Amino acid sequence: MDHDVIVVGTRAGGAATAMLLARAGLRVLAVDRARFPSDTLSTHQVQVPGIARLSRWGLLDPIAAVTPAVPVVRLDAGPGAALEGRYPAVDGVGALYGPRRTVLDAALVDAARAAGAEVREGFAVEELTRDTEGRVTGIRGRRRGEGRGRGPSAGTALVAETARLVVGADGKRSTIADAVGATAYHVRQPATFACYTYWSGVDLPIGEIHVRPGLTVPAFPTNDGLTMIAIFAPLADFERFRADPAAGYLAALDRCGDLGDRVRDGVRAEPYRMAPDVPNGFRAAHGPGWALVGDSGVVMDPVAGQGISNAFRDADLLAAAIVEGLDHGGLDDALAGYQRRRDAAALPVYGMTRSFATLRVSLAQRLLIAAIADDPAESSRFLGVLAGAARYDDYLRPANVLGRLAGGVTRRLRRPVGKCVDQPAVLG
């Protein structure tokens, strides 16, 4: 075999997997049809657990040097239901970052190379190779745009590379997953569409998440002094929205307190980006000679901002399984364990994401937000749930919600009559 592992796709999940495997001493080839740095559709918030992994991998400092930290966020679910708090620390890291994919993906690719992986940019995989028993043994592909001819296959001559395992990390429309016939499960139909762009000169000292009926709007700082503001709205409204994105986008922001006014005081820095293709579901994580990671294996509506953190988590799990399996001669068993661990970790986040994708906030949730808004510790715990650091379903158990509501009432009753208590201003 030419390599121990070939990784197809070198963005968040693929580059992280290649880096971790190379650091473990494996011979790794990582390929991607893109060249880096390059952009891709992404709301690019990396939640605190994902940032903690970047820190553990030694990659946070260069990203933090050019990307603002967001330790405080304001969640505004409408009049009377807003809170502001700090994210709880995970492994000593207590802030979210929103690096552009031009920054994040390039840093991961560089780290994979530095660890010893061979990274081929601008390389398109055209097919998988298999042995007589059907086990995947490698890839065939070519560098793009370097030879004669036209079309997607134009480039150098077709080359073959072999490996003990091929990892598909090529996104939600994974050609590797399709080629191996990976079984899909927990599939749910798309519910939302996203539209986002970047602004300069917007007053946004902290992160903001606005939730209204049929609308979710995250707003976070990113690189180069810009602010990324996205809207998530029902997919059924997309055709009407796309007829005039600028008008629809600003009308949505006008539903979020003074956010629309603040945006109009700034300058739009880039075109609107629209994403109506937001599938939801799991694929089988492994089979004879292959495995999947990142959106290739589990894809979720981006409304919860969990995709990059999920990819990092699964890269950690997959790399550990591959090293164990190759070292001890039980790769298939180790990969089966990876799928079990991946699904156990992803399903609670998937449930939270599906809830957010309904674009509704129940009365009980609004009451909960109002009840904990004056409790910094509880607000921090709740933001940790939204960041994926604690289980959403556990926090929203009826007994816990009732306890938080009762606690809010008790604190209010204990306040001296006439005493003014500072609380976050309610937008909207």
Protein backbone atom coordinates (compact mmCIF):
# COMPACT_ATOMS: atom_id res chain seq x y z
CA MET A 1 0.00 0.00 0.00
CA ASP A 2 1.21 3.51 -0.83
CA HIS A 3 -0.35 5.01 2.29
CA ASP A 4 -1.96 3.98 5.54
CA VAL A 5 -4.89 6.39 5.04
CA ILE A 6 -6.15 8.56 2.20
CA VAL A 7 -8.42 11.44 3.27
CA VAL A 8 -10.66 12.86 0.53
CA GLY A 9 -11.60 16.45 1.44
CA THR A 10 -9.39 18.73 3.53
CA ARG A 11 -11.67 21.27 5.13
CA ALA A 12 -12.61 21.14 8.82
CA GLY A 13 -13.22 17.43 9.35
CA GLY A 14 -10.81 16.10 6.74
CA ALA A 15 -7.82 18.30 7.49
CA ALA A 16 -8.22 17.71 11.24
CA THR A 17 -8.37 13.95 10.67
CA ALA A 18 -5.30 14.00 8.42
CA MET A 19 -3.39 16.10 10.97
CA LEU A 20 -4.21 13.81 13.88
CA LEU A 21 -3.33 10.67 11.94
CA ALA A 22 -0.04 12.14 10.74
CA ARG A 23 0.82 13.22 14.27
CA ALA A 24 0.27 9.59 15.30
CA GLY A 25 2.92 8.53 12.78
CA LEU A 26 0.70 7.19 9.99
CA ARG A 27 1.42 7.71 6.30
CA VAL A 28 -1.37 10.03 5.20
CA LEU A 29 -2.37 11.41 1.80
CA ALA A 30 -5.02 14.14 1.92
CA VAL A 31 -6.57 15.47 -1.29
CA ASP A 32 -9.07 18.19 -2.14
CA ARG A 33 -10.37 19.59 -5.41
CA ALA A 34 -10.07 23.09 -3.91
CA ARG A 35 -6.92 25.09 -3.34
CA PHE A 36 -6.29 26.92 -0.09
CA PRO A 37 -6.97 29.47 1.21
CA SER A 38 -10.44 29.40 -0.32
CA ASP A 39 -13.94 30.11 0.91
CA THR A 40 -16.95 27.86 1.20
CA LEU A 41 -20.56 28.35 2.30
CA SER A 42 -20.45 28.46 6.07
CA THR A 43 -21.72 30.51 8.97
CA HIS A 44 -18.32 29.54 10.48
CA GLN A 45 -19.03 29.86 14.18
CA VAL A 46 -16.82 27.43 16.08
CA GLN A 47 -18.57 26.68 19.35
CA VAL A 48 -16.62 26.55 22.61
CA PRO A 49 -16.07 22.74 22.57
CA GLY A 50 -14.61 23.05 19.06
CA ILE A 51 -12.38 25.93 20.14
CA ALA A 52 -11.20 23.82 23.08
CA ARG A 53 -10.09 21.17 20.59
CA LEU A 54 -8.22 23.74 18.50
CA SER A 55 -6.47 24.82 21.69
CA ARG A 56 -5.57 21.25 22.58
CA TRP A 57 -4.24 20.71 19.06
CA GLY A 58 -2.06 23.81 19.33
CA LEU A 59 -3.93 25.71 16.62
CA LEU A 60 -5.90 28.31 18.55
CA ASP A 61 -3.18 30.95 18.95
CA PRO A 62 -2.69 31.71 15.22
CA ILE A 63 -6.46 31.81 14.69
CA ALA A 64 -7.08 33.94 17.79
CA ALA A 65 -4.37 36.36 16.63
CA VAL A 66 -6.56 37.45 13.71
CA THR A 67 -10.08 36.53 14.90
CA PRO A 68 -12.02 38.27 17.71
CA ALA A 69 -12.94 36.17 20.72
CA VAL A 70 -16.62 36.19 21.67
CA PRO A 71 -16.90 35.35 25.38
CA VAL A 72 -20.28 37.09 25.86
CA VAL A 73 -23.47 36.65 23.86
CA ARG A 74 -26.94 38.11 24.06
CA LEU A 75 -29.88 35.81 23.34
CA ASP A 76 -32.99 37.79 22.44
CA ALA A 77 -36.20 35.82 21.99
CA GLY A 78 -38.44 38.89 21.94
CA PRO A 79 -39.93 41.26 24.53
CA GLY A 80 -39.49 39.98 28.06
CA ALA A 81 -37.32 37.02 27.00
CA ALA A 82 -33.70 38.10 26.66
CA LEU A 83 -30.53 37.24 28.52
CA GLU A 84 -26.89 38.17 28.28
CA GLY A 85 -24.12 36.00 29.64
CA ARG A 86 -20.70 34.46 29.31
CA TYR A 87 -20.00 31.11 27.76
CA PRO A 88 -18.85 28.53 30.31
CA ALA A 89 -15.24 27.39 29.93
CA VAL A 90 -14.45 24.03 28.33
CA ASP A 91 -10.94 22.80 29.12
CA GLY A 92 -9.96 26.33 30.06
CA VAL A 93 -11.42 27.96 26.95
CA GLY A 94 -14.41 30.25 27.47
CA ALA A 95 -15.07 31.96 24.16
CA LEU A 96 -16.54 31.28 20.75
CA TYR A 97 -14.62 32.35 17.62
CA GLY A 98 -15.96 32.86 14.11
CA PRO A 99 -12.96 32.63 11.74
CA ARG A 100 -13.57 32.88 8.01
CA ARG A 101 -13.10 29.55 6.28
CA THR A 102 -10.23 31.10 4.35
CA VAL A 103 -8.48 31.38 7.72
CA LEU A 104 -9.64 28.22 9.51
CA ASP A 105 -9.32 25.70 6.69
CA ALA A 106 -5.92 27.01 5.58
CA ALA A 107 -4.64 26.74 9.18
CA LEU A 108 -5.82 23.13 9.39
CA VAL A 109 -4.30 22.22 6.02
CA ASP A 110 -0.99 23.80 7.06
CA ALA A 111 -1.09 21.86 10.33
CA ALA A 112 -1.71 18.58 8.48
CA ARG A 113 1.31 19.27 6.27
CA ALA A 114 3.44 20.24 9.25
CA ALA A 115 2.51 16.93 10.91
CA GLY A 116 3.83 15.02 7.90
CA ALA A 117 0.72 14.41 5.80
CA GLU A 118 1.04 14.81 2.04
CA VAL A 119 -1.63 17.30 0.97
CA ARG A 120 -2.57 17.61 -2.70
CA GLU A 121 -4.67 20.63 -3.50
CA GLY A 122 -6.61 20.92 -6.73
CA PHE A 123 -6.90 17.12 -6.95
CA ALA A 124 -10.22 15.59 -8.03
CA VAL A 125 -11.05 12.01 -7.08
CA GLU A 126 -12.88 10.29 -9.93
CA GLU A 127 -13.31 6.77 -8.60
CA LEU A 128 -12.46 4.32 -5.84
CA THR A 129 -10.46 1.17 -6.38
CA ARG A 130 -11.44 -2.17 -4.83
CA ASP A 131 -10.02 -5.63 -4.41
CA THR A 132 -11.71 -8.81 -5.63
CA GLU A 133 -13.82 -8.99 -2.47
CA GLY A 134 -15.11 -5.43 -2.89
CA ARG A 135 -13.01 -3.83 -0.17
CA VAL A 136 -11.96 -0.25 -0.97
CA THR A 137 -8.22 -0.10 -1.60
CA GLY A 138 -7.62 3.43 -2.83
CA ILE A 139 -8.54 6.19 -5.27
CA ARG A 140 -8.02 7.27 -8.85
CA GLY A 141 -7.96 10.96 -9.70
CA ARG A 142 -6.05 13.78 -11.28
CA ARG A 143 -4.88 17.28 -10.65
CA ARG A 144 -7.33 19.78 -12.10
CA GLY A 145 -6.59 22.46 -14.63
CA GLU A 146 -2.98 21.54 -15.30
CA GLY A 147 -3.30 19.62 -18.54
CA ARG A 148 -5.06 19.80 -21.85
CA GLY A 149 -8.78 19.59 -22.41
CA ARG A 150 -11.83 21.18 -20.90
CA GLY A 151 -14.41 20.33 -18.29
CA PRO A 152 -14.16 19.00 -14.73
CA SER A 153 -11.84 16.13 -15.69
CA ALA A 154 -9.35 18.33 -17.53
CA GLY A 155 -5.92 18.12 -15.95
CA THR A 156 -2.99 15.77 -15.60
CA ALA A 157 -3.11 12.08 -16.35
CA LEU A 158 -5.22 9.84 -14.13
CA VAL A 159 -3.19 8.51 -11.18
CA ALA A 160 -3.95 5.78 -8.68
CA GLU A 161 -3.10 5.78 -4.97
CA THR A 162 -3.63 2.90 -2.57
CA ALA A 163 -4.23 2.84 1.16
CA ARG A 164 -5.40 0.60 3.95
CA LEU A 165 -8.33 2.97 4.49
CA VAL A 166 -10.02 5.76 2.51
CA VAL A 167 -11.78 8.46 4.55
CA GLY A 168 -14.54 10.49 2.93
CA ALA A 169 -14.53 14.05 4.26
CA ASP A 170 -15.96 15.69 1.15
CA GLY A 171 -19.08 17.27 2.58
CA LYS A 172 -22.82 16.85 2.71
CA ARG A 173 -22.99 15.75 -0.96
CA SER A 174 -20.09 13.35 -0.49
CA THR A 175 -19.00 11.52 -3.63
CA ILE A 176 -17.23 8.98 -1.43
CA ALA A 177 -20.40 8.24 0.53
CA ASP A 178 -22.28 7.82 -2.74
CA ALA A 179 -19.58 5.59 -4.22
CA VAL A 180 -19.65 3.17 -1.28
CA GLY A 181 -23.44 3.29 -0.92
CA ALA A 182 -23.34 4.45 2.70
CA THR A 183 -26.71 3.81 4.32
CA ALA A 184 -28.62 6.93 5.43
CA TYR A 185 -30.70 7.06 8.62
CA HIS A 186 -32.30 9.61 10.97
CA VAL A 187 -32.99 11.61 7.80
CA ARG A 188 -35.22 14.67 8.07
CA GLN A 189 -36.31 16.94 5.25
CA PRO A 190 -34.72 20.41 5.01
CA ALA A 191 -36.71 22.96 6.99
CA THR A 192 -34.84 26.26 6.61
CA PHE A 193 -32.76 28.29 4.23
CA ALA A 194 -29.89 30.57 5.17
CA CYS A 195 -28.74 33.91 3.80
CA TYR A 196 -25.70 35.71 5.14
CA THR A 197 -23.17 38.38 4.34
CA TYR A 198 -20.48 40.51 5.95
CA TRP A 199 -20.64 44.10 7.18
CA SER A 200 -18.13 46.71 8.26
CA GLY A 201 -18.88 49.51 10.69
CA VAL A 202 -21.66 47.70 12.58
CA ASP A 203 -21.89 48.36 16.33
CA LEU A 204 -21.65 44.81 17.72
CA PRO A 205 -19.59 44.68 20.93
CA ILE A 206 -20.76 41.14 21.79
CA GLY A 207 -22.27 38.20 19.94
CA GLU A 208 -26.02 38.28 19.36
CA ILE A 209 -28.65 35.65 18.59
CA HIS A 210 -32.15 36.90 17.78
CA VAL A 211 -35.09 34.52 17.64
CA ARG A 212 -38.50 35.49 16.33
CA PRO A 213 -41.41 33.38 15.00
CA GLY A 214 -40.14 31.92 11.74
CA LEU A 215 -36.73 33.59 12.04
CA THR A 216 -33.34 33.12 13.69
CA VAL A 217 -30.55 35.68 13.25
CA PRO A 218 -27.01 35.13 14.60
CA ALA A 219 -24.59 38.07 14.45
CA PHE A 220 -20.92 37.62 15.35
CA PRO A 221 -17.64 39.38 14.61
CA THR A 222 -15.16 37.72 12.27
CA ASN A 223 -11.84 38.56 10.61
CA ASP A 224 -10.74 41.87 9.12
CA GLY A 225 -13.04 43.96 11.29
CA LEU A 226 -16.16 42.47 9.69
CA THR A 227 -19.39 41.22 11.21
CA MET A 228 -21.11 38.11 9.85
CA ILE A 229 -24.90 38.30 10.12
CA ALA A 230 -27.05 35.40 8.93
CA ILE A 231 -30.77 34.86 8.73
CA PHE A 232 -32.50 31.48 8.90
CA ALA A 233 -36.08 31.40 7.63
CA PRO A 234 -38.58 28.72 6.51
CA LEU A 235 -37.55 26.94 3.33
CA ALA A 236 -41.08 27.48 1.99
CA ASP A 237 -40.28 31.20 1.79
CA PHE A 238 -37.11 30.83 -0.23
CA GLU A 239 -38.43 31.43 -3.74
CA ARG A 240 -40.08 34.66 -2.64
CA PHE A 241 -36.97 35.72 -0.74
CA ARG A 242 -34.55 35.10 -3.61
CA ALA A 243 -36.50 37.52 -5.84
CA ASP A 244 -35.08 40.39 -3.76
CA PRO A 245 -32.56 39.13 -1.18
CA ALA A 246 -31.49 42.59 -0.02
CA ALA A 247 -35.03 43.65 0.84
CA GLY A 248 -35.89 40.34 2.51
CA TYR A 249 -32.66 40.28 4.49
CA LEU A 250 -33.04 43.81 5.86
CA ALA A 251 -36.73 43.25 6.60
CA ALA A 252 -35.72 40.25 8.70
CA LEU A 253 -33.15 42.31 10.63
CA ASP A 254 -35.79 44.97 11.27
CA ARG A 255 -37.68 42.37 13.31
CA CYS A 256 -34.66 42.10 15.64
CA GLY A 257 -34.81 45.25 17.73
CA ASP A 258 -32.43 47.91 16.42
CA LEU A 259 -30.21 45.46 14.53
CA GLY A 260 -31.55 46.64 11.18
CA ASP A 261 -30.72 50.26 12.05
CA ARG A 262 -27.22 49.33 13.19
CA VAL A 263 -26.60 47.41 9.97
CA ARG A 264 -27.75 50.35 7.86
CA ASP A 265 -25.16 52.49 9.66
CA GLY A 266 -22.52 50.10 8.33
CA VAL A 267 -21.41 49.02 4.85
CA ARG A 268 -22.06 45.65 3.25
CA ALA A 269 -18.63 44.25 2.39
CA GLU A 270 -19.52 41.22 0.26
CA PRO A 271 -22.42 39.79 -1.78
CA TYR A 272 -25.30 37.97 -0.14
CA ARG A 273 -24.77 34.22 0.07
CA MET A 274 -27.80 31.94 0.06
CA ALA A 275 -28.01 28.30 1.10
CA PRO A 276 -31.33 26.54 0.46
CA ASP A 277 -29.67 23.10 0.48
CA VAL A 278 -29.55 22.16 4.18
CA PRO A 279 -30.10 18.40 4.52
CA ASN A 280 -30.31 16.61 7.85
CA GLY A 281 -29.25 13.05 8.55
CA PHE A 282 -26.68 10.42 9.39
CA ARG A 283 -24.80 8.02 7.12
CA ALA A 284 -23.17 4.76 8.09
CA ALA A 285 -19.72 5.75 9.31
CA HIS A 286 -17.68 2.87 7.94
CA GLY A 287 -17.50 -0.18 5.71
CA PRO A 288 -14.86 -2.41 4.09
CA GLY A 289 -11.88 -0.11 3.56
CA TRP A 290 -13.71 3.18 4.07
CA ALA A 291 -14.94 5.60 6.72
CA LEU A 292 -16.75 8.96 6.77
CA VAL A 293 -16.17 12.07 8.88
CA GLY A 294 -17.64 15.56 9.13
CA ASP A 295 -20.67 16.46 7.03
CA SER A 296 -20.03 13.37 4.90
CA GLY A 297 -21.15 11.28 7.87
CA VAL A 298 -23.51 13.52 9.86
CA VAL A 299 -25.03 16.71 8.50
CA MET A 300 -27.33 19.09 10.34
CA ASP A 301 -29.18 22.29 9.62
CA PRO A 302 -26.64 25.09 10.27
CA VAL A 303 -29.16 27.09 12.34
CA ALA A 304 -27.55 25.82 15.56
CA GLY A 305 -24.01 26.57 14.38
CA GLN A 306 -22.72 23.14 15.37
CA GLY A 307 -21.22 21.82 12.11
CA ILE A 308 -17.54 22.72 12.58
CA SER A 309 -17.46 21.66 16.23
CA ASN A 310 -19.16 18.38 15.28
CA ALA A 311 -16.54 17.81 12.56
CA PHE A 312 -13.70 18.36 15.03
CA ARG A 313 -15.27 15.98 17.55
CA ASP A 314 -15.71 13.27 14.93
CA ALA A 315 -12.18 13.78 13.60
CA ASP A 316 -10.90 13.13 17.12
CA LEU A 317 -13.04 9.99 17.45
CA LEU A 318 -12.17 8.65 13.99
CA ALA A 319 -8.43 9.27 14.26
CA ALA A 320 -8.31 7.45 17.60
CA ALA A 321 -10.24 4.49 16.15
CA ILE A 322 -7.99 4.26 13.08
CA VAL A 323 -4.80 4.33 15.13
CA GLU A 324 -6.18 1.68 17.49
CA GLY A 325 -7.41 -0.52 14.64
CA LEU A 326 -4.22 -0.36 12.58
CA ASP A 327 -2.00 -0.88 15.63
CA HIS A 328 -3.90 -3.91 16.88
CA GLY A 329 -5.10 -5.46 13.63
CA GLY A 330 -8.82 -4.91 14.24
CA LEU A 331 -9.63 -1.94 12.04
CA ASP A 332 -13.21 -2.93 11.21
CA ASP A 333 -14.07 -3.46 14.88
CA ALA A 334 -12.44 -0.16 15.83
CA LEU A 335 -14.43 1.66 13.15
CA ALA A 336 -17.66 0.07 14.40
CA GLY A 337 -16.82 1.54 17.81
CA TYR A 338 -16.25 4.91 16.16
CA GLN A 339 -19.74 4.85 14.68
CA ARG A 340 -21.29 4.01 18.05
CA ARG A 341 -19.42 6.81 19.80
CA ARG A 342 -20.11 9.28 17.00
CA ASP A 343 -23.84 8.60 17.04
CA ALA A 344 -24.08 8.72 20.83
CA ALA A 345 -22.39 12.13 20.83
CA ALA A 346 -24.23 13.51 17.79
CA LEU A 347 -27.82 12.48 18.49
CA PRO A 348 -28.46 14.94 21.37
CA VAL A 349 -26.99 17.78 19.26
CA TYR A 350 -29.13 16.62 16.34
CA GLY A 351 -32.23 16.79 18.49
CA MET A 352 -31.36 20.33 19.58
CA THR A 353 -30.70 21.36 15.99
CA ARG A 354 -34.00 19.94 14.76
CA SER A 355 -35.76 21.90 17.51
CA PHE A 356 -34.03 25.12 16.46
CA ALA A 357 -34.85 24.46 12.81
CA THR A 358 -38.56 24.73 13.59
CA LEU A 359 -37.82 28.45 14.11
CA ARG A 360 -40.17 28.50 17.08
CA VAL A 361 -39.66 29.30 20.74
CA SER A 362 -42.30 27.84 23.01
CA LEU A 363 -43.95 29.77 25.83
CA ALA A 364 -42.12 27.55 28.33
CA GLN A 365 -38.77 28.39 26.73
CA ARG A 366 -39.53 32.12 26.74
CA LEU A 367 -40.50 31.92 30.41
CA LEU A 368 -37.28 30.01 31.12
CA ILE A 369 -35.15 32.68 29.44
CA ALA A 370 -36.92 35.41 31.41
CA ALA A 371 -36.55 33.46 34.67
CA ILE A 372 -32.78 32.95 34.41
CA ALA A 373 -31.86 36.32 32.87
CA ASP A 374 -30.89 37.80 36.26
CA ASP A 375 -28.84 34.74 37.30
CA PRO A 376 -25.35 34.94 35.70
CA ALA A 377 -24.40 31.38 36.63
CA GLU A 378 -27.62 29.90 35.24
CA SER A 379 -27.44 32.07 32.11
CA SER A 380 -23.93 30.75 31.55
CA ARG A 381 -25.11 27.16 31.92
CA PHE A 382 -27.89 27.77 29.42
CA LEU A 383 -25.47 29.28 26.90
CA GLY A 384 -23.28 26.22 27.40
CA VAL A 385 -26.23 24.10 26.31
CA LEU A 386 -26.64 26.20 23.14
CA ALA A 387 -22.90 25.83 22.49
CA GLY A 388 -23.12 22.03 22.66
CA ALA A 389 -21.16 21.78 25.89
CA ALA A 390 -24.12 20.21 27.75
CA ARG A 391 -27.16 18.23 26.64
CA TYR A 392 -30.11 20.31 25.46
CA ASP A 393 -32.63 17.56 26.22
CA ASP A 394 -31.36 17.16 29.78
CA TYR A 395 -31.55 20.89 30.46
CA LEU A 396 -35.10 21.13 29.12
CA ARG A 397 -36.42 18.26 31.21
CA PRO A 398 -39.69 19.44 32.80
CA ALA A 399 -38.32 19.09 36.33
CA ASN A 400 -35.29 21.22 35.51
CA VAL A 401 -37.33 23.88 33.71
CA LEU A 402 -39.81 24.07 36.60
CA GLY A 403 -36.91 24.39 39.03
CA ARG A 404 -35.39 27.27 37.08
CA LEU A 405 -38.79 28.99 36.83
CA ALA A 406 -39.34 28.60 40.56
CA GLY A 407 -35.86 29.93 41.25
CA GLY A 408 -36.58 33.03 39.19
CA VAL A 409 -39.80 33.70 41.10
CA THR A 410 -38.04 33.16 44.44
CA ARG A 411 -35.27 35.63 43.61
CA ARG A 412 -37.80 38.27 42.65
CA LEU A 413 -39.79 37.79 45.85
CA ARG A 414 -36.64 38.16 47.94
CA ARG A 415 -35.70 41.52 46.46
CA PRO A 416 -36.29 44.51 48.74
CA VAL A 417 -39.36 46.47 47.75
CA GLY A 418 -38.48 49.32 45.42
CA LYS A 419 -34.91 48.14 44.84
CA CYS A 420 -33.78 48.62 41.26
CA VAL A 421 -31.92 45.66 39.84
CA ASP A 422 -29.91 46.06 36.66
CA GLN A 423 -30.99 43.63 33.96
CA PRO A 424 -30.11 43.31 30.31
CA ALA A 425 -32.17 45.61 28.14
CA VAL A 426 -34.76 43.81 26.08
CA LEU A 427 -34.44 44.41 22.36
CA GLY A 428 -37.38 44.31 20.00
